[in-house]
């Protein structure tokens, strides 16, 4: 199967590596040929590094995966013969509308066109398209190569089979898709994530905890738990089933929830400056790139462990 990636930034590069790892031919498009060349060089370096670190995905060698990925600055050439398209341009309604309208004339009756949008539903930028029924959102989590979740979000015109085929394809390449029944602001992951950040922000502003201790709550508390089971199964296991949990703890949770600062919460700059001052003592701004690499290595190790545990279970 040929996969077309529209946009050669970090997310586009990640998608290219994911699909090539599963043996698919990939064409990476960007309007500027120099950006495409640079992206292909970065992909080749990353895949070889992943191979040496033991975290390369798929059964093919890094060299073989690199050979499956080509570049193009010609949109028609990129889309020609593609069965699945993953758009990865910046999060701008106007830009996405422009790109999707340009693609419309090349979309075939068996092609799926997905957007990597993190908050924008396709209804905001595909309404003028003839082939809008073959579009949807497939929102990855950064970094997609090591965090497999993808949110599939159909638009109001998306054919049901397009959502199902997208889910099947993403599962086949090692991602972990969830399918929303309809568009929703922020989709699912960001709604949960923002709820967590909102309360963390309020705790910090109230002087309840330091920035380091707030992060420690997640790293050493909720994070390890939720790495293997979700919040609903946690409720199920922490009592004799989730019904029993609600009988025991629902009132207490309700009482605590009534003391939370209601949304929306504005992440204000003065507070952000204070948090950054604390964070920078451990991770200075000039070391962010190295810290991201550290994060990716640890996420790769966690992904490897979870795969090993899954194989033992199977």
C-alpha atoms as a PDB file:
ATOM      1  CA  UNK A   1       0.000   0.000   0.000  1.00  0.00           C
ATOM      2  CA  UNK A   2       1.196   3.498  -0.808  1.00  0.00           C
ATOM      3  CA  UNK A   3       0.924   6.089   1.953  1.00  0.00           C
ATOM      4  CA  UNK A   4       1.114   9.839   1.278  1.00  0.00           C
ATOM      5  CA  UNK A   5       2.272  12.171   4.041  1.00  0.00           C
ATOM      6  CA  UNK A   6       1.462  15.866   3.543  1.00  0.00           C
ATOM      7  CA  UNK A   7       3.868  17.979   5.575  1.00  0.00           C
ATOM      8  CA  UNK A   8       7.460  17.060   6.399  1.00  0.00           C
ATOM      9  CA  UNK A   9       7.727  18.341   9.966  1.00  0.00           C
ATOM     10  CA  UNK A  10       8.275  16.182  13.062  1.00  0.00           C
ATOM     11  CA  UNK A  11       4.788  14.644  13.001  1.00  0.00           C
ATOM     12  CA  UNK A  12       4.973  13.933   9.270  1.00  0.00           C
ATOM     13  CA  UNK A  13       8.387  12.324   9.746  1.00  0.00           C
ATOM     14  CA  UNK A  14       7.028  10.175  12.588  1.00  0.00           C
ATOM     15  CA  UNK A  15       4.100   8.970  10.491  1.00  0.00           C
ATOM     16  CA  UNK A  16       6.471   8.142   7.624  1.00  0.00           C
ATOM     17  CA  UNK A  17       8.625   6.008   9.931  1.00  0.00           C
ATOM     18  CA  UNK A  18       5.591   4.263  11.414  1.00  0.00           C
ATOM     19  CA  UNK A  19       4.179   3.252   8.025  1.00  0.00           C
ATOM     20  CA  UNK A  20       7.572   2.289   6.588  1.00  0.00           C
ATOM     21  CA  UNK A  21       8.177   0.146   9.665  1.00  0.00           C
ATOM     22  CA  UNK A  22       5.134  -1.880   8.659  1.00  0.00           C
ATOM     23  CA  UNK A  23       6.467  -2.300   5.108  1.00  0.00           C
ATOM     24  CA  UNK A  24       4.382   0.345   3.323  1.00  0.00           C
ATOM     25  CA  UNK A  25       5.760   2.597   0.611  1.00  0.00           C
ATOM     26  CA  UNK A  26       5.629   6.219   1.759  1.00  0.00           C
ATOM     27  CA  UNK A  27       5.865   9.489  -0.140  1.00  0.00           C
ATOM     28  CA  UNK A  28       6.574  12.559   1.995  1.00  0.00           C
ATOM     29  CA  UNK A  29       5.398  15.874   0.531  1.00  0.00           C
ATOM     30  CA  UNK A  30       6.254  19.452   1.321  1.00  0.00           C
ATOM     31  CA  UNK A  31       5.943  22.566  -0.807  1.00  0.00           C
ATOM     32  CA  UNK A  32       9.667  23.330  -0.412  1.00  0.00           C
ATOM     33  CA  UNK A  33      11.955  20.638  -1.832  1.00  0.00           C
ATOM     34  CA  UNK A  34      14.787  21.552   0.546  1.00  0.00           C
ATOM     35  CA  UNK A  35      12.541  20.782   3.522  1.00  0.00           C
ATOM     36  CA  UNK A  36      11.732  17.384   2.048  1.00  0.00           C
ATOM     37  CA  UNK A  37      15.406  16.572   1.585  1.00  0.00           C
ATOM     38  CA  UNK A  38      16.194  17.620   5.139  1.00  0.00           C
ATOM     39  CA  UNK A  39      13.297  15.551   6.491  1.00  0.00           C
ATOM     40  CA  UNK A  40      14.474  12.444   4.617  1.00  0.00           C
ATOM     41  CA  UNK A  41      17.959  12.879   6.078  1.00  0.00           C
ATOM     42  CA  UNK A  42      16.522  13.206   9.584  1.00  0.00           C
ATOM     43  CA  UNK A  43      14.362  10.115   9.092  1.00  0.00           C
ATOM     44  CA  UNK A  44      17.348   8.065   7.928  1.00  0.00           C
ATOM     45  CA  UNK A  45      19.394   9.166  10.940  1.00  0.00           C
ATOM     46  CA  UNK A  46      16.558   8.473  13.380  1.00  0.00           C
ATOM     47  CA  UNK A  47      15.807   5.013  12.026  1.00  0.00           C
ATOM     48  CA  UNK A  48      19.464   3.990  12.162  1.00  0.00           C
ATOM     49  CA  UNK A  49      19.699   5.317  15.715  1.00  0.00           C
ATOM     50  CA  UNK A  50      16.557   3.446  16.723  1.00  0.00           C
ATOM     51  CA  UNK A  51      18.014   0.277  15.237  1.00  0.00           C
ATOM     52  CA  UNK A  52      21.251   0.637  17.205  1.00  0.00           C
ATOM     53  CA  UNK A  53      19.245   1.363  20.374  1.00  0.00           C
ATOM     54  CA  UNK A  54      17.051  -1.703  19.865  1.00  0.00           C
ATOM     55  CA  UNK A  55      13.793   0.237  19.523  1.00  0.00           C
ATOM     56  CA  UNK A  56      13.262   0.087  15.743  1.00  0.00           C
ATOM     57  CA  UNK A  57       9.686  -0.854  14.900  1.00  0.00           C
ATOM     58  CA  UNK A  58       8.770  -3.669  12.532  1.00  0.00           C
ATOM     59  CA  UNK A  59      10.740  -6.567  11.108  1.00  0.00           C
ATOM     60  CA  UNK A  60      12.621  -4.715   8.367  1.00  0.00           C
ATOM     61  CA  UNK A  61      16.106  -3.278   8.793  1.00  0.00           C
ATOM     62  CA  UNK A  62      16.552   0.463   9.119  1.00  0.00           C
ATOM     63  CA  UNK A  63      18.137   0.616   5.672  1.00  0.00           C
ATOM     64  CA  UNK A  64      15.198  -1.209   4.130  1.00  0.00           C
ATOM     65  CA  UNK A  65      12.711   1.084   5.863  1.00  0.00           C
ATOM     66  CA  UNK A  66      14.605   4.160   4.663  1.00  0.00           C
ATOM     67  CA  UNK A  67      14.409   2.843   1.107  1.00  0.00           C
ATOM     68  CA  UNK A  68      10.610   2.716   1.345  1.00  0.00           C
ATOM     69  CA  UNK A  69      10.355   6.463   2.003  1.00  0.00           C
ATOM     70  CA  UNK A  70      10.660   8.918  -0.864  1.00  0.00           C
ATOM     71  CA  UNK A  71      10.047  12.650  -1.073  1.00  0.00           C
ATOM     72  CA  UNK A  72       8.182  14.965  -3.407  1.00  0.00           C
ATOM     73  CA  UNK A  73       7.353  18.647  -3.772  1.00  0.00           C
ATOM     74  CA  UNK A  74       4.645  17.824  -6.334  1.00  0.00           C
ATOM     75  CA  UNK A  75       1.264  17.254  -4.644  1.00  0.00           C
ATOM     76  CA  UNK A  76      -0.264  15.287  -7.517  1.00  0.00           C
ATOM     77  CA  UNK A  77       2.772  13.025  -7.714  1.00  0.00           C
ATOM     78  CA  UNK A  78       2.619  12.409  -3.972  1.00  0.00           C
ATOM     79  CA  UNK A  79      -1.079  11.514  -3.997  1.00  0.00           C
ATOM     80  CA  UNK A  80      -1.020   9.449  -7.181  1.00  0.00           C
ATOM     81  CA  UNK A  81      -1.715   5.814  -6.301  1.00  0.00           C
ATOM     82  CA  UNK A  82      -2.001   6.462  -2.570  1.00  0.00           C
ATOM     83  CA  UNK A  83      -4.617   4.539  -0.603  1.00  0.00           C
ATOM     84  CA  UNK A  84      -4.176   6.515   2.603  1.00  0.00           C
ATOM     85  CA  UNK A  85      -3.160  10.151   3.106  1.00  0.00           C
ATOM     86  CA  UNK A  86      -2.029  11.669   6.415  1.00  0.00           C
ATOM     87  CA  UNK A  87      -2.025  15.479   6.482  1.00  0.00           C
ATOM     88  CA  UNK A  88       0.473  17.020   8.930  1.00  0.00           C
ATOM     89  CA  UNK A  89       0.491  20.767   8.277  1.00  0.00           C
ATOM     90  CA  UNK A  90       0.375  23.319  11.152  1.00  0.00           C
ATOM     91  CA  UNK A  91      -2.796  23.720  13.230  1.00  0.00           C
ATOM     92  CA  UNK A  92      -4.457  26.475  11.201  1.00  0.00           C
ATOM     93  CA  UNK A  93      -7.996  26.313   9.837  1.00  0.00           C
ATOM     94  CA  UNK A  94      -7.117  28.450   6.824  1.00  0.00           C
ATOM     95  CA  UNK A  95      -3.997  26.467   5.964  1.00  0.00           C
ATOM     96  CA  UNK A  96      -5.735  23.108   6.354  1.00  0.00           C
ATOM     97  CA  UNK A  97      -8.666  24.298   4.253  1.00  0.00           C
ATOM     98  CA  UNK A  98      -6.246  25.369   1.541  1.00  0.00           C
ATOM     99  CA  UNK A  99      -4.365  22.066   1.580  1.00  0.00           C
ATOM    100  CA  UNK A 100      -7.483  19.889   1.605  1.00  0.00           C
ATOM    101  CA  UNK A 101      -9.081  21.896  -1.208  1.00  0.00           C
ATOM    102  CA  UNK A 102      -5.898  21.410  -3.246  1.00  0.00           C
ATOM    103  CA  UNK A 103      -6.039  17.663  -2.608  1.00  0.00           C
ATOM    104  CA  UNK A 104      -9.734  17.344  -3.435  1.00  0.00           C
ATOM    105  CA  UNK A 105      -9.296  16.916  -7.193  1.00  0.00           C
ATOM    106  CA  UNK A 106      -6.880  14.017  -6.665  1.00  0.00           C
ATOM    107  CA  UNK A 107      -8.921  12.056  -4.107  1.00  0.00           C
ATOM    108  CA  UNK A 108     -10.151   8.750  -5.517  1.00  0.00           C
ATOM    109  CA  UNK A 109     -13.157   6.699  -4.466  1.00  0.00           C
ATOM    110  CA  UNK A 110     -10.994   4.308  -2.438  1.00  0.00           C
ATOM    111  CA  UNK A 111      -8.647   6.889  -0.876  1.00  0.00           C
ATOM    112  CA  UNK A 112      -8.801   7.940   2.785  1.00  0.00           C
ATOM    113  CA  UNK A 113      -7.552  11.402   3.738  1.00  0.00           C
ATOM    114  CA  UNK A 114      -6.823  11.907   7.433  1.00  0.00           C
ATOM    115  CA  UNK A 115      -5.723  15.016   9.295  1.00  0.00           C
ATOM    116  CA  UNK A 116      -3.272  14.964  12.211  1.00  0.00           C
ATOM    117  CA  UNK A 117      -5.180  17.902  13.737  1.00  0.00           C
ATOM    118  CA  UNK A 118      -4.984  17.976  17.532  1.00  0.00           C
ATOM    119  CA  UNK A 119      -8.134  20.041  18.170  1.00  0.00           C
ATOM    120  CA  UNK A 120      -9.739  21.004  14.848  1.00  0.00           C
ATOM    121  CA  UNK A 121     -12.432  18.729  13.468  1.00  0.00           C
ATOM    122  CA  UNK A 122     -12.531  18.223   9.697  1.00  0.00           C
ATOM    123  CA  UNK A 123     -15.911  19.976   9.543  1.00  0.00           C
ATOM    124  CA  UNK A 124     -14.022  23.226  10.110  1.00  0.00           C
ATOM    125  CA  UNK A 125     -12.010  22.964   6.893  1.00  0.00           C
ATOM    126  CA  UNK A 126     -13.430  20.378   4.435  1.00  0.00           C
ATOM    127  CA  UNK A 127     -16.979  21.691   4.010  1.00  0.00           C
ATOM    128  CA  UNK A 128     -16.362  22.936   0.463  1.00  0.00           C
ATOM    129  CA  UNK A 129     -14.841  19.654  -0.752  1.00  0.00           C
ATOM    130  CA  UNK A 130     -16.500  17.258  -3.162  1.00  0.00           C
ATOM    131  CA  UNK A 131     -14.842  14.293  -1.420  1.00  0.00           C
ATOM    132  CA  UNK A 132     -15.357  15.383   2.188  1.00  0.00           C
ATOM    133  CA  UNK A 133     -17.043  12.040   2.955  1.00  0.00           C
ATOM    134  CA  UNK A 134     -13.608  10.391   2.689  1.00  0.00           C
ATOM    135  CA  UNK A 135     -11.957  12.666   5.267  1.00  0.00           C
ATOM    136  CA  UNK A 136     -11.531  12.406   9.022  1.00  0.00           C
ATOM    137  CA  UNK A 137      -9.092  13.212  11.818  1.00  0.00           C
ATOM    138  CA  UNK A 138      -6.431  10.718  12.922  1.00  0.00           C
ATOM    139  CA  UNK A 139      -4.780  12.624  15.769  1.00  0.00           C
ATOM    140  CA  UNK A 140      -1.516  11.119  17.040  1.00  0.00           C
ATOM    141  CA  UNK A 141       0.096  11.715  20.431  1.00  0.00           C
ATOM    142  CA  UNK A 142       3.563  13.231  20.459  1.00  0.00           C
ATOM    143  CA  UNK A 143       5.941  11.475  19.925  1.00  0.00           C
ATOM    144  CA  UNK A 144       3.829   9.126  17.753  1.00  0.00           C
ATOM    145  CA  UNK A 145       6.639   6.638  17.167  1.00  0.00           C
ATOM    146  CA  UNK A 146       6.735   5.748  20.870  1.00  0.00           C
ATOM    147  CA  UNK A 147       3.217   6.671  22.052  1.00  0.00           C
ATOM    148  CA  UNK A 148       0.808   4.621  19.935  1.00  0.00           C
ATOM    149  CA  UNK A 149      -2.555   6.235  20.708  1.00  0.00           C
ATOM    150  CA  UNK A 150      -4.416   7.773  17.758  1.00  0.00           C
ATOM    151  CA  UNK A 151      -7.795   9.484  18.052  1.00  0.00           C
ATOM    152  CA  UNK A 152     -10.030   8.795  15.054  1.00  0.00           C
ATOM    153  CA  UNK A 153     -12.609  11.563  14.781  1.00  0.00           C
ATOM    154  CA  UNK A 154     -15.109  11.378  11.913  1.00  0.00           C
ATOM    155  CA  UNK A 155     -16.712  14.490  10.517  1.00  0.00           C
ATOM    156  CA  UNK A 156     -20.475  14.781  10.038  1.00  0.00           C
ATOM    157  CA  UNK A 157     -20.057  13.542   6.434  1.00  0.00           C
ATOM    158  CA  UNK A 158     -17.475  10.797   7.009  1.00  0.00           C
ATOM    159  CA  UNK A 159     -18.558   7.392   5.733  1.00  0.00           C
ATOM    160  CA  UNK A 160     -18.620   4.743   8.504  1.00  0.00           C
ATOM    161  CA  UNK A 161     -16.411   2.440   6.447  1.00  0.00           C
ATOM    162  CA  UNK A 162     -13.760   5.181   6.208  1.00  0.00           C
ATOM    163  CA  UNK A 163     -13.499   5.296  10.004  1.00  0.00           C
ATOM    164  CA  UNK A 164     -13.353   1.512  10.255  1.00  0.00           C
ATOM    165  CA  UNK A 165     -10.769   1.134   7.492  1.00  0.00           C
ATOM    166  CA  UNK A 166      -8.621   3.803   9.127  1.00  0.00           C
ATOM    167  CA  UNK A 167      -8.796   2.014  12.465  1.00  0.00           C
ATOM    168  CA  UNK A 168      -7.873  -1.312  10.858  1.00  0.00           C
ATOM    169  CA  UNK A 169      -4.903   0.223   9.043  1.00  0.00           C
ATOM    170  CA  UNK A 170      -3.585   1.989  12.140  1.00  0.00           C
ATOM    171  CA  UNK A 171      -3.873  -1.173  14.209  1.00  0.00           C
ATOM    172  CA  UNK A 172      -1.976  -3.084  11.524  1.00  0.00           C
ATOM    173  CA  UNK A 173       0.992  -0.680  11.762  1.00  0.00           C
ATOM    174  CA  UNK A 174       1.193  -0.929  15.550  1.00  0.00           C
ATOM    175  CA  UNK A 175      -0.788   2.122  16.658  1.00  0.00           C
ATOM    176  CA  UNK A 176      -3.597   1.998  19.236  1.00  0.00           C
ATOM    177  CA  UNK A 177      -6.593   3.858  17.783  1.00  0.00           C
ATOM    178  CA  UNK A 178      -9.742   4.911  19.612  1.00  0.00           C
ATOM    179  CA  UNK A 179     -12.798   6.044  17.640  1.00  0.00           C
ATOM    180  CA  UNK A 180     -14.976   8.936  18.739  1.00  0.00           C
ATOM    181  CA  UNK A 181     -18.611   8.770  17.626  1.00  0.00           C
ATOM    182  CA  UNK A 182     -18.583  12.428  16.549  1.00  0.00           C
ATOM    183  CA  UNK A 183     -16.562  15.630  16.623  1.00  0.00           C
ATOM    184  CA  UNK A 184     -15.962  17.191  20.014  1.00  0.00           C
ATOM    185  CA  UNK A 185     -13.830  20.251  20.912  1.00  0.00           C
ATOM    186  CA  UNK A 186     -10.383  19.003  21.894  1.00  0.00           C
ATOM    187  CA  UNK A 187     -11.415  15.432  21.048  1.00  0.00           C
ATOM    188  CA  UNK A 188     -10.944  13.071  24.037  1.00  0.00           C
ATOM    189  CA  UNK A 189      -7.284  13.076  25.053  1.00  0.00           C
ATOM    190  CA  UNK A 190      -6.921  16.851  25.261  1.00  0.00           C
ATOM    191  CA  UNK A 191     -10.151  17.177  27.245  1.00  0.00           C
ATOM    192  CA  UNK A 192      -8.720  14.803  29.849  1.00  0.00           C
ATOM    193  CA  UNK A 193      -5.259  16.370  29.642  1.00  0.00           C
ATOM    194  CA  UNK A 194      -6.571  19.921  30.060  1.00  0.00           C
ATOM    195  CA  UNK A 195      -8.630  18.837  33.075  1.00  0.00           C
ATOM    196  CA  UNK A 196      -5.450  17.552  34.725  1.00  0.00           C
ATOM    197  CA  UNK A 197      -3.407  20.637  33.821  1.00  0.00           C
ATOM    198  CA  UNK A 198      -6.209  22.920  35.030  1.00  0.00           C
ATOM    199  CA  UNK A 199      -6.090  21.454  38.533  1.00  0.00           C
ATOM    200  CA  UNK A 200      -2.274  21.395  38.550  1.00  0.00           C
ATOM    201  CA  UNK A 201      -2.271  25.074  37.579  1.00  0.00           C
ATOM    202  CA  UNK A 202      -4.681  25.955  40.375  1.00  0.00           C
ATOM    203  CA  UNK A 203      -2.690  23.958  42.957  1.00  0.00           C
ATOM    204  CA  UNK A 204       0.459  25.815  41.987  1.00  0.00           C
ATOM    205  CA  UNK A 205      -1.189  29.253  42.043  1.00  0.00           C
ATOM    206  CA  UNK A 206      -2.676  28.475  45.471  1.00  0.00           C
ATOM    207  CA  UNK A 207       0.777  27.555  46.784  1.00  0.00           C
ATOM    208  CA  UNK A 208      -0.339  24.030  47.627  1.00  0.00           C
ATOM    209  CA  UNK A 209       2.589  22.283  45.924  1.00  0.00           C
ATOM    210  CA  UNK A 210       5.794  23.140  44.098  1.00  0.00           C
ATOM    211  CA  UNK A 211       6.068  22.519  40.367  1.00  0.00           C
ATOM    212  CA  UNK A 212       8.436  19.600  41.038  1.00  0.00           C
ATOM    213  CA  UNK A 213       6.038  17.943  43.486  1.00  0.00           C
ATOM    214  CA  UNK A 214       3.091  18.380  41.126  1.00  0.00           C
ATOM    215  CA  UNK A 215       5.013  16.539  38.408  1.00  0.00           C
ATOM    216  CA  UNK A 216       6.100  13.921  40.974  1.00  0.00           C
ATOM    217  CA  UNK A 217       2.443  13.154  41.683  1.00  0.00           C
ATOM    218  CA  UNK A 218       2.048  12.043  38.095  1.00  0.00           C
ATOM    219  CA  UNK A 219       5.450  10.414  37.549  1.00  0.00           C
ATOM    220  CA  UNK A 220       5.315   8.354  40.754  1.00  0.00           C
ATOM    221  CA  UNK A 221       1.578   8.086  41.300  1.00  0.00           C
ATOM    222  CA  UNK A 222      -1.006   8.289  38.550  1.00  0.00           C
ATOM    223  CA  UNK A 223       1.506   7.773  35.717  1.00  0.00           C
ATOM    224  CA  UNK A 224       2.654   4.227  36.628  1.00  0.00           C
ATOM    225  CA  UNK A 225      -0.928   3.175  37.342  1.00  0.00           C
ATOM    226  CA  UNK A 226      -2.344   4.556  34.113  1.00  0.00           C
ATOM    227  CA  UNK A 227       0.519   3.125  32.043  1.00  0.00           C
ATOM    228  CA  UNK A 228      -1.248  -0.240  32.227  1.00  0.00           C
ATOM    229  CA  UNK A 229      -4.883   0.367  33.188  1.00  0.00           C
ATOM    230  CA  UNK A 230      -7.174   3.341  32.682  1.00  0.00           C
ATOM    231  CA  UNK A 231      -9.210   5.313  35.237  1.00  0.00           C
ATOM    232  CA  UNK A 232     -12.405   3.320  34.771  1.00  0.00           C
ATOM    233  CA  UNK A 233     -10.679  -0.040  35.222  1.00  0.00           C
ATOM    234  CA  UNK A 234      -8.850   1.454  38.212  1.00  0.00           C
ATOM    235  CA  UNK A 235     -12.238   2.154  39.790  1.00  0.00           C
ATOM    236  CA  UNK A 236     -13.313  -1.379  38.894  1.00  0.00           C
ATOM    237  CA  UNK A 237     -10.269  -2.942  40.569  1.00  0.00           C
ATOM    238  CA  UNK A 238     -10.183  -0.679  43.634  1.00  0.00           C
ATOM    239  CA  UNK A 239     -13.464  -2.119  44.861  1.00  0.00           C
ATOM    240  CA  UNK A 240     -15.654  -5.119  44.096  1.00  0.00           C
ATOM    241  CA  UNK A 241     -16.416  -3.723  40.665  1.00  0.00           C
ATOM    242  CA  UNK A 242     -17.173  -0.189  39.547  1.00  0.00           C
ATOM    243  CA  UNK A 243     -20.732  -0.246  40.928  1.00  0.00           C
ATOM    244  CA  UNK A 244     -19.372  -1.069  44.373  1.00  0.00           C
ATOM    245  CA  UNK A 245     -16.751   1.679  43.948  1.00  0.00           C
ATOM    246  CA  UNK A 246     -19.477   4.235  43.271  1.00  0.00           C
ATOM    247  CA  UNK A 247     -21.474   3.068  46.281  1.00  0.00           C
ATOM    248  CA  UNK A 248     -18.403   3.520  48.485  1.00  0.00           C
ATOM    249  CA  UNK A 249     -16.641   6.556  47.074  1.00  0.00           C
ATOM    250  CA  UNK A 250     -18.940   8.555  44.776  1.00  0.00           C
ATOM    251  CA  UNK A 251     -20.088  10.943  47.487  1.00  0.00           C
ATOM    252  CA  UNK A 252     -16.527  11.642  48.604  1.00  0.00           C
ATOM    253  CA  UNK A 253     -15.442  12.271  45.022  1.00  0.00           C
ATOM    254  CA  UNK A 254     -18.414  14.577  44.556  1.00  0.00           C
ATOM    255  CA  UNK A 255     -17.570  16.508  47.730  1.00  0.00           C
ATOM    256  CA  UNK A 256     -13.941  16.995  46.617  1.00  0.00           C
ATOM    257  CA  UNK A 257     -15.023  17.937  43.094  1.00  0.00           C
ATOM    258  CA  UNK A 258     -17.240  20.669  44.485  1.00  0.00           C
ATOM    259  CA  UNK A 259     -14.102  22.426  45.787  1.00  0.00           C
ATOM    260  CA  UNK A 260     -12.310  22.466  42.407  1.00  0.00           C
ATOM    261  CA  UNK A 261     -11.954  25.720  40.510  1.00  0.00           C
ATOM    262  CA  UNK A 262     -14.476  25.507  37.680  1.00  0.00           C
ATOM    263  CA  UNK A 263     -13.157  25.751  34.117  1.00  0.00           C
ATOM    264  CA  UNK A 264     -12.107  27.400  31.960  1.00  0.00           C
ATOM    265  CA  UNK A 265      -8.686  28.074  33.474  1.00  0.00           C
ATOM    266  CA  UNK A 266      -6.399  30.563  31.760  1.00  0.00           C
ATOM    267  CA  UNK A 267      -2.742  29.520  31.838  1.00  0.00           C
ATOM    268  CA  UNK A 268      -1.503  33.012  32.661  1.00  0.00           C
ATOM    269  CA  UNK A 269       1.997  34.217  31.820  1.00  0.00           C
ATOM    270  CA  UNK A 270       3.014  35.360  35.350  1.00  0.00           C
ATOM    271  CA  UNK A 271       2.298  31.867  36.698  1.00  0.00           C
ATOM    272  CA  UNK A 272       3.983  30.287  33.684  1.00  0.00           C
ATOM    273  CA  UNK A 273       7.100  32.374  34.333  1.00  0.00           C
ATOM    274  CA  UNK A 274       7.224  31.151  37.936  1.00  0.00           C
ATOM    275  CA  UNK A 275       6.766  27.529  36.885  1.00  0.00           C
ATOM    276  CA  UNK A 276       9.412  27.881  34.187  1.00  0.00           C
ATOM    277  CA  UNK A 277      11.838  29.337  36.707  1.00  0.00           C
ATOM    278  CA  UNK A 278      11.418  26.217  38.846  1.00  0.00           C
ATOM    279  CA  UNK A 279      11.584  23.805  35.935  1.00  0.00           C
ATOM    280  CA  UNK A 280      14.636  25.489  34.452  1.00  0.00           C
ATOM    281  CA  UNK A 281      16.664  24.752  37.561  1.00  0.00           C
ATOM    282  CA  UNK A 282      16.507  21.086  36.555  1.00  0.00           C
ATOM    283  CA  UNK A 283      16.060  21.466  32.795  1.00  0.00           C
ATOM    284  CA  UNK A 284      17.441  24.760  31.425  1.00  0.00           C
ATOM    285  CA  UNK A 285      15.934  25.949  28.164  1.00  0.00           C
ATOM    286  CA  UNK A 286      19.154  25.234  26.282  1.00  0.00           C
ATOM    287  CA  UNK A 287      18.880  21.580  27.376  1.00  0.00           C
ATOM    288  CA  UNK A 288      15.310  20.995  26.170  1.00  0.00           C
ATOM    289  CA  UNK A 289      16.464  19.113  23.069  1.00  0.00           C
ATOM    290  CA  UNK A 290      18.516  16.677  25.135  1.00  0.00           C
ATOM    291  CA  UNK A 291      15.657  16.247  27.574  1.00  0.00           C
ATOM    292  CA  UNK A 292      13.286  15.431  24.709  1.00  0.00           C
ATOM    293  CA  UNK A 293      15.730  12.756  23.546  1.00  0.00           C
ATOM    294  CA  UNK A 294      15.826  11.418  27.115  1.00  0.00           C
ATOM    295  CA  UNK A 295      12.023  11.351  27.151  1.00  0.00           C
ATOM    296  CA  UNK A 296      11.876   9.478  23.856  1.00  0.00           C
ATOM    297  CA  UNK A 297      14.393   6.860  25.049  1.00  0.00           C
ATOM    298  CA  UNK A 298      12.330   6.200  28.159  1.00  0.00           C
ATOM    299  CA  UNK A 299       9.063   6.084  26.222  1.00  0.00           C
ATOM    300  CA  UNK A 300      10.711   3.598  23.847  1.00  0.00           C
ATOM    301  CA  UNK A 301      11.755   1.445  26.805  1.00  0.00           C
ATOM    302  CA  UNK A 302       8.228   1.542  28.224  1.00  0.00           C
ATOM    303  CA  UNK A 303       6.740   0.649  24.835  1.00  0.00           C
ATOM    304  CA  UNK A 304       9.162  -2.278  24.568  1.00  0.00           C
ATOM    305  CA  UNK A 305       8.224  -3.499  28.052  1.00  0.00           C
ATOM    306  CA  UNK A 306       4.500  -3.281  27.304  1.00  0.00           C
ATOM    307  CA  UNK A 307       4.989  -5.201  24.051  1.00  0.00           C
ATOM    308  CA  UNK A 308       6.928  -7.912  25.894  1.00  0.00           C
ATOM    309  CA  UNK A 309       4.194  -8.208  28.522  1.00  0.00           C
ATOM    310  CA  UNK A 310       1.538  -8.354  25.797  1.00  0.00           C
ATOM    311  CA  UNK A 311       3.412 -11.136  23.994  1.00  0.00           C
ATOM    312  CA  UNK A 312       3.631 -13.159  27.220  1.00  0.00           C
ATOM    313  CA  UNK A 313      -0.098 -12.654  27.822  1.00  0.00           C
ATOM    314  CA  UNK A 314      -0.963 -13.688  24.260  1.00  0.00           C
END
